[in-house]
């Protein structure tokens, strides 16, 4: 993913139990920065690792190869499923035509989960 997020939000986005995501991340600590604080984002140590996993010529072990198009399609479907569960006026705005700059950041953060 281009945008990082905390492990719990990643589990919600992927619709995988948090325990499974947590165990998987624990085994990838040599290539991922997995913070102890659950509110901090999981990150790659080196962005080139992503490129390596997507290149079948460089990453010859099919267990680790990432099909970028297929993965993006799967993420898109999960995103659309989460978005479809949102309701109208999710931030309880005072009227139509409100600019995003007029909405307090904490209102957005409380109303729209990070995985959405």
Protein backbone atom coordinates (compact mmCIF):
# COMPACT_ATOMS: atom_id res chain seq x y z
CA UNK A 1 0.00 0.00 0.00
CA UNK A 2 1.16 3.52 -0.69
CA UNK A 3 -0.50 4.89 2.45
CA UNK A 4 0.58 3.31 5.69
CA UNK A 5 -1.70 2.62 8.63
CA UNK A 6 -1.69 0.98 12.05
CA UNK A 7 -1.91 -2.80 12.19
CA UNK A 8 -5.45 -2.82 13.63
CA UNK A 9 -6.73 -0.67 10.75
CA UNK A 10 -4.90 -2.88 8.28
CA UNK A 11 -6.71 -5.90 9.74
CA UNK A 12 -10.03 -4.09 9.37
CA UNK A 13 -9.30 -3.10 5.78
CA UNK A 14 -8.24 -6.62 4.81
CA UNK A 15 -11.08 -8.17 6.84
CA UNK A 16 -8.62 -10.44 8.64
CA UNK A 17 -8.58 -11.02 12.40
CA UNK A 18 -6.13 -8.70 14.16
CA UNK A 19 -4.35 -11.69 15.75
CA UNK A 20 -3.51 -13.05 12.29
CA UNK A 21 -2.20 -9.69 11.11
CA UNK A 22 -0.23 -9.24 14.34
CA UNK A 23 1.41 -12.68 14.05
CA UNK A 24 2.27 -12.06 10.42
CA UNK A 25 3.76 -8.65 11.17
CA UNK A 26 5.81 -10.11 14.03
CA UNK A 27 7.46 -12.51 11.60
CA UNK A 28 8.29 -9.62 9.23
CA UNK A 29 10.03 -7.33 11.73
CA UNK A 30 13.32 -7.64 9.85
CA UNK A 31 11.81 -5.78 6.86
CA UNK A 32 8.96 -3.84 8.49
CA UNK A 33 8.89 -1.25 11.20
CA UNK A 34 6.16 -2.60 13.47
CA UNK A 35 5.68 -0.14 16.33
CA UNK A 36 4.82 -1.27 19.84
CA UNK A 37 2.23 1.52 20.02
CA UNK A 38 -0.81 0.23 18.11
CA UNK A 39 -1.77 3.74 16.99
CA UNK A 40 1.47 4.17 15.01
CA UNK A 41 1.76 3.12 11.39
CA UNK A 42 3.46 -0.02 10.11
CA UNK A 43 6.13 0.91 7.55
CA UNK A 44 8.68 -0.70 5.29
CA UNK A 45 12.29 -0.15 6.32
CA UNK A 46 13.30 0.15 2.67
CA UNK A 47 10.87 1.10 -0.11
CA UNK A 48 12.97 -0.95 -2.53
CA UNK A 49 11.71 -4.10 -0.77
CA UNK A 50 8.25 -3.44 -2.22
CA UNK A 51 9.76 -3.23 -5.70
CA UNK A 52 11.66 -6.47 -5.09
CA UNK A 53 8.50 -8.36 -4.12
CA UNK A 54 6.69 -7.15 -7.24
CA UNK A 55 9.45 -8.22 -9.65
CA UNK A 56 9.18 -11.92 -10.49
CA UNK A 57 12.69 -11.83 -11.99
CA UNK A 58 14.20 -10.71 -8.67
CA UNK A 59 11.85 -12.41 -6.19
CA UNK A 60 11.87 -15.99 -7.39
CA UNK A 61 9.96 -17.50 -4.46
CA UNK A 62 6.29 -17.44 -5.48
CA UNK A 63 5.22 -17.46 -1.80
CA UNK A 64 6.49 -13.91 -1.47
CA UNK A 65 5.80 -12.44 -4.89
CA UNK A 66 3.14 -9.76 -5.05
CA UNK A 67 0.86 -9.43 -8.04
CA UNK A 68 0.40 -5.66 -7.98
CA UNK A 69 -2.70 -5.59 -10.16
CA UNK A 70 -4.41 -8.42 -8.27
CA UNK A 71 -3.50 -6.93 -4.90
CA UNK A 72 -4.80 -3.51 -5.89
CA UNK A 73 -8.01 -5.10 -7.13
CA UNK A 74 -8.46 -6.90 -3.81
CA UNK A 75 -7.76 -3.72 -1.83
CA UNK A 76 -10.19 -1.81 -4.03
CA UNK A 77 -12.95 -4.36 -3.38
CA UNK A 78 -12.37 -4.23 0.35
CA UNK A 79 -12.39 -0.42 0.26
CA UNK A 80 -15.64 -0.37 -1.67
CA UNK A 81 -17.23 -2.78 0.81
CA UNK A 82 -16.26 -0.51 3.71
CA UNK A 83 -17.36 2.62 1.87
CA UNK A 84 -20.74 1.07 1.05
CA UNK A 85 -21.42 0.79 4.80
CA UNK A 86 -21.07 4.53 5.37
CA UNK A 87 -24.15 6.65 5.89
CA UNK A 88 -25.10 10.07 4.57
CA UNK A 89 -23.60 13.07 6.38
CA UNK A 90 -21.18 10.88 8.31
CA UNK A 91 -19.49 13.93 9.91
CA UNK A 92 -22.82 15.52 10.93
CA UNK A 93 -22.10 18.67 8.95
CA UNK A 94 -24.31 21.70 9.36
CA UNK A 95 -25.20 21.99 5.69
CA UNK A 96 -24.37 21.10 2.09
CA UNK A 97 -21.44 22.83 0.44
CA UNK A 98 -19.21 22.85 3.52
CA UNK A 99 -15.55 23.02 2.54
CA UNK A 100 -13.27 20.33 3.93
CA UNK A 101 -11.09 23.12 5.36
CA UNK A 102 -14.07 24.13 7.52
CA UNK A 103 -14.37 20.70 9.12
CA UNK A 104 -12.22 20.21 12.24
CA UNK A 105 -9.65 17.42 11.83
CA UNK A 106 -10.84 15.66 14.97
CA UNK A 107 -14.37 15.47 13.51
CA UNK A 108 -13.04 13.71 10.41
CA UNK A 109 -10.84 11.37 12.46
CA UNK A 110 -13.73 10.42 14.76
CA UNK A 111 -16.25 9.98 11.94
CA UNK A 112 -14.24 8.22 9.24
CA UNK A 113 -12.14 5.23 10.33
CA UNK A 114 -8.55 5.22 9.06
CA UNK A 115 -9.06 1.98 7.13
CA UNK A 116 -11.82 3.69 5.09
